[in-house]
Amino acid sequence: MTATKLILASASPRRAEILRNAGYAFAVVSSAIDETPIPGESAEAMVARLADAKAELVAARSVGPAIVIAADTAVLIGTQILGKPRTTEDARQMLQSLSGMTHSVITGVSLVRLPDGERRSFVESTLVHVGVISDEEIEEYLATGEPFDKAGGYAIQGRAGRFIPRIEGCYFNVVGLPLARLAHELRELGYHSEMADAAGM
């Protein structure tokens, strides 16, 4: 019987690192899609739609037995969805809006099992409490270059962790892939990874 492989439909080094550190073996297949929001679309609906689209794209180019894992993450403050900053001023405004506030990080995850096409989809949300960030700290953080490929303009696992005293929910969800829920859904799809085997890879 051929072993089921995992395919990560993402070029994100952070998602790959989460899977690797958790002991999963996987291949990476990029899933470049149009991520333009639909007017009036909620953050939850947007990340679910984009994760599904990424999973569909990669599943169509892949051969089973495999499980495709796709995800999309957005930051929501009030009713405003924050994507990845396009410019320094964009990142500055995002950080100013997050300073001293609580926001949600929402990740949509879509799994497709091949060859039978069985799927699992879910949306995970984590509350992130941000301390007050001074203008000087914002400028110093912008100068590091860290904000520019991150939803919301910050990386909790990087230098921005200094600004975040507390979260409510899954830490890995804030990084970009809700690990515990993902592991549960993979088991539901019949995937089993021996921790000891994976650790020795």
Protein backbone atom coordinates (compact mmCIF):
# COMPACT_ATOMS: atom_id res chain seq x y z
CA MET A 1 0.00 0.00 0.00
CA THR A 2 1.39 3.40 -1.00
CA ALA A 3 1.78 5.83 1.89
CA THR A 4 -0.33 8.99 1.78
CA LYS A 5 1.84 12.07 1.33
CA LEU A 6 1.11 15.58 2.50
CA ILE A 7 1.27 18.50 0.07
CA LEU A 8 1.43 22.03 1.48
CA ALA A 9 -0.23 24.38 -1.01
CA SER A 10 1.69 27.41 0.20
CA ALA A 11 5.02 29.09 -0.37
CA SER A 12 4.91 30.49 3.18
CA PRO A 13 8.10 29.58 5.05
CA ARG A 14 6.20 30.06 8.33
CA ARG A 15 3.56 27.44 7.50
CA ALA A 16 6.27 25.04 6.35
CA GLU A 17 8.17 25.58 9.59
CA ILE A 18 5.06 24.84 11.70
CA LEU A 19 4.50 21.53 9.90
CA ARG A 20 8.19 20.59 9.96
CA ASN A 21 8.57 21.35 13.68
CA ALA A 22 5.46 19.27 14.41
CA GLY A 23 7.13 16.26 12.75
CA TYR A 24 5.20 16.12 9.47
CA ALA A 25 6.91 15.19 6.21
CA PHE A 26 5.48 17.07 3.22
CA ALA A 27 6.11 18.50 -0.22
CA VAL A 28 5.51 22.16 -1.10
CA VAL A 29 3.57 23.22 -4.18
CA SER A 30 2.99 26.94 -4.71
CA SER A 31 -0.62 28.09 -5.06
CA ALA A 32 -0.61 31.59 -6.51
CA ILE A 33 -4.20 32.79 -6.87
CA ASP A 34 -6.01 36.13 -7.11
CA GLU A 35 -6.53 37.14 -3.46
CA THR A 36 -8.65 40.22 -4.16
CA PRO A 37 -11.47 40.49 -1.59
CA ILE A 38 -15.05 40.48 -2.84
CA PRO A 39 -16.92 43.65 -1.80
CA GLY A 40 -19.01 43.03 1.32
CA GLU A 41 -17.33 39.67 2.00
CA SER A 42 -16.63 38.85 5.66
CA ALA A 43 -13.12 37.95 6.77
CA GLU A 44 -14.26 34.41 7.60
CA ALA A 45 -15.85 33.95 4.17
CA MET A 46 -12.79 35.41 2.43
CA VAL A 47 -10.18 33.17 4.07
CA ALA A 48 -12.40 30.10 3.57
CA ARG A 49 -12.89 30.94 -0.14
CA LEU A 50 -9.18 31.58 -0.73
CA ALA A 51 -8.09 28.43 1.11
CA ASP A 52 -10.54 26.39 -0.97
CA ALA A 53 -9.25 27.98 -4.19
CA LYS A 54 -5.62 27.23 -3.28
CA ALA A 55 -6.48 23.62 -2.39
CA GLU A 56 -8.42 23.15 -5.65
CA LEU A 57 -5.56 24.55 -7.74
CA VAL A 58 -2.93 22.28 -6.21
CA ALA A 59 -5.17 19.19 -6.03
CA ALA A 60 -5.81 19.47 -9.78
CA ARG A 61 -2.04 19.28 -10.40
CA SER A 62 -1.29 16.52 -7.88
CA VAL A 63 -1.44 12.74 -7.85
CA GLY A 64 -2.63 10.69 -4.88
CA PRO A 65 -2.56 9.11 -2.49
CA ALA A 66 -2.08 12.52 -0.91
CA ILE A 67 -3.72 15.17 1.23
CA VAL A 68 -3.43 18.76 0.05
CA ILE A 69 -3.26 21.38 2.83
CA ALA A 70 -4.11 24.98 1.93
CA ALA A 71 -4.57 28.00 4.17
CA ASP A 72 -5.23 31.72 4.05
CA THR A 73 -4.84 34.15 6.96
CA ALA A 74 -6.27 37.61 7.54
CA VAL A 75 -6.19 40.11 10.39
CA LEU A 76 -9.50 41.68 11.41
CA ILE A 77 -9.76 44.81 13.55
CA GLY A 78 -13.34 45.90 14.03
CA THR A 79 -14.83 45.37 10.58
CA GLN A 80 -11.62 46.18 8.69
CA ILE A 81 -9.69 43.34 7.07
CA LEU A 82 -5.93 43.88 7.05
CA GLY A 83 -4.00 42.00 4.39
CA LYS A 84 -0.28 42.28 3.66
CA PRO A 85 1.01 45.86 3.53
CA ARG A 86 1.95 47.03 0.06
CA THR A 87 4.07 50.02 1.13
CA THR A 88 5.89 51.32 4.20
CA GLU A 89 3.07 53.80 4.83
CA ASP A 90 0.56 50.96 4.56
CA ALA A 91 2.48 48.99 7.21
CA ARG A 92 2.81 52.08 9.43
CA GLN A 93 -0.95 52.69 9.37
CA MET A 94 -1.67 49.03 10.15
CA LEU A 95 0.64 49.05 13.17
CA GLN A 96 -0.84 52.34 14.40
CA SER A 97 -4.35 50.86 14.13
CA LEU A 98 -3.32 47.71 16.04
CA SER A 99 -1.48 49.59 18.82
CA GLY A 100 -3.25 49.26 22.18
CA MET A 101 -6.09 47.27 20.64
CA THR A 102 -7.36 43.69 20.45
CA HIS A 103 -7.79 42.16 17.00
CA SER A 104 -8.63 38.76 15.52
CA VAL A 105 -6.41 36.61 13.36
CA ILE A 106 -8.55 34.36 11.18
CA THR A 107 -7.22 31.44 9.17
CA GLY A 108 -9.19 29.37 6.70
CA VAL A 109 -7.87 25.85 6.10
CA SER A 110 -8.92 23.52 3.31
CA LEU A 111 -7.86 19.87 3.00
CA VAL A 112 -8.42 17.70 -0.07
CA ARG A 113 -7.67 13.97 0.00
CA LEU A 114 -6.61 12.40 -3.27
CA PRO A 115 -7.60 10.51 -5.26
CA ASP A 116 -11.15 10.35 -3.82
CA GLY A 117 -11.58 14.14 -3.36
CA GLU A 118 -12.82 13.92 0.25
CA ARG A 119 -12.50 17.36 1.87
CA ARG A 120 -12.37 19.10 5.20
CA SER A 121 -12.59 22.86 5.64
CA PHE A 122 -12.59 25.01 8.76
CA VAL A 123 -11.91 28.54 9.98
CA GLU A 124 -9.94 29.21 13.17
CA SER A 125 -9.90 32.52 15.04
CA THR A 126 -7.49 33.82 17.69
CA LEU A 127 -7.75 37.07 19.67
CA VAL A 128 -4.50 39.02 19.88
CA HIS A 129 -4.01 41.74 22.50
CA VAL A 130 -1.45 44.35 21.42
CA GLY A 131 0.17 46.77 23.84
CA VAL A 132 0.68 50.42 23.06
CA ILE A 133 3.40 50.76 20.41
CA SER A 134 5.18 54.12 20.34
CA ASP A 135 5.85 55.91 17.07
CA GLU A 136 9.57 55.34 17.64
CA GLU A 137 9.01 51.59 18.07
CA ILE A 138 6.89 51.49 14.90
CA GLU A 139 9.65 53.19 12.90
CA GLU A 140 12.28 50.83 14.32
CA TYR A 141 10.09 47.84 13.47
CA LEU A 142 9.45 49.07 9.92
CA ALA A 143 13.20 49.43 9.42
CA THR A 144 13.67 45.69 10.09
CA GLY A 145 11.63 44.82 6.97
CA GLU A 146 9.70 42.19 8.94
CA PRO A 147 6.16 43.57 8.38
CA PHE A 148 6.05 43.38 4.61
CA ASP A 149 4.90 39.85 3.77
CA LYS A 150 2.69 39.39 6.82
CA ALA A 151 -1.06 39.88 7.15
CA GLY A 152 -1.60 42.83 9.48
CA GLY A 153 2.00 43.96 9.04
CA TYR A 154 3.56 42.01 11.92
CA ALA A 155 5.06 38.64 12.87
CA ILE A 156 4.18 37.40 16.37
CA GLN A 157 7.02 34.87 16.18
CA GLY A 158 9.50 37.63 15.33
CA ARG A 159 10.30 41.04 16.72
CA ALA A 160 6.63 42.01 17.03
CA GLY A 161 6.27 39.44 19.81
CA ARG A 162 7.61 42.21 22.06
CA PHE A 163 4.36 44.14 21.55
CA ILE A 164 1.94 41.27 22.30
CA PRO A 165 1.36 40.48 25.99
CA ARG A 166 -1.49 38.01 25.51
CA ILE A 167 -3.48 35.97 23.02
CA GLU A 168 -6.67 33.94 23.37
CA GLY A 169 -6.68 30.84 21.20
CA CYS A 170 -4.15 29.01 19.06
CA TYR A 171 -0.71 30.63 18.81
CA PHE A 172 0.09 28.78 15.58
CA ASN A 173 -3.05 30.22 14.02
CA VAL A 174 -1.55 33.69 14.42
CA VAL A 175 1.60 32.47 12.66
CA GLY A 176 -0.55 31.11 9.82
CA LEU A 177 -1.57 27.48 10.41
CA PRO A 178 -3.74 26.27 13.35
CA LEU A 179 -1.75 23.16 14.17
CA ALA A 180 -3.91 21.29 16.72
CA ARG A 181 -7.10 21.62 14.64
CA LEU A 182 -5.16 20.66 11.49
CA ALA A 183 -3.77 17.53 13.19
CA HIS A 184 -7.30 16.54 14.23
CA GLU A 185 -8.67 16.99 10.71
CA LEU A 186 -5.78 15.02 9.18
CA ARG A 187 -6.59 12.13 11.53
CA GLU A 188 -10.24 12.40 10.48
CA LEU A 189 -9.09 11.94 6.88
CA GLY A 190 -7.21 8.81 7.89
CA TYR A 191 -3.73 10.30 7.94
CA HIS A 192 -1.39 9.08 10.66
CA SER A 193 2.17 10.31 11.19
CA GLU A 194 4.40 8.53 13.67
CA MET A 195 6.06 11.26 15.75
CA ALA A 196 9.15 9.12 16.32
CA ASP A 197 9.52 8.31 12.62
CA ALA A 198 9.01 11.90 11.57
CA ALA A 199 11.48 13.16 14.17
CA GLY A 200 14.17 10.95 12.73
CA MET A 201 13.66 12.09 9.14
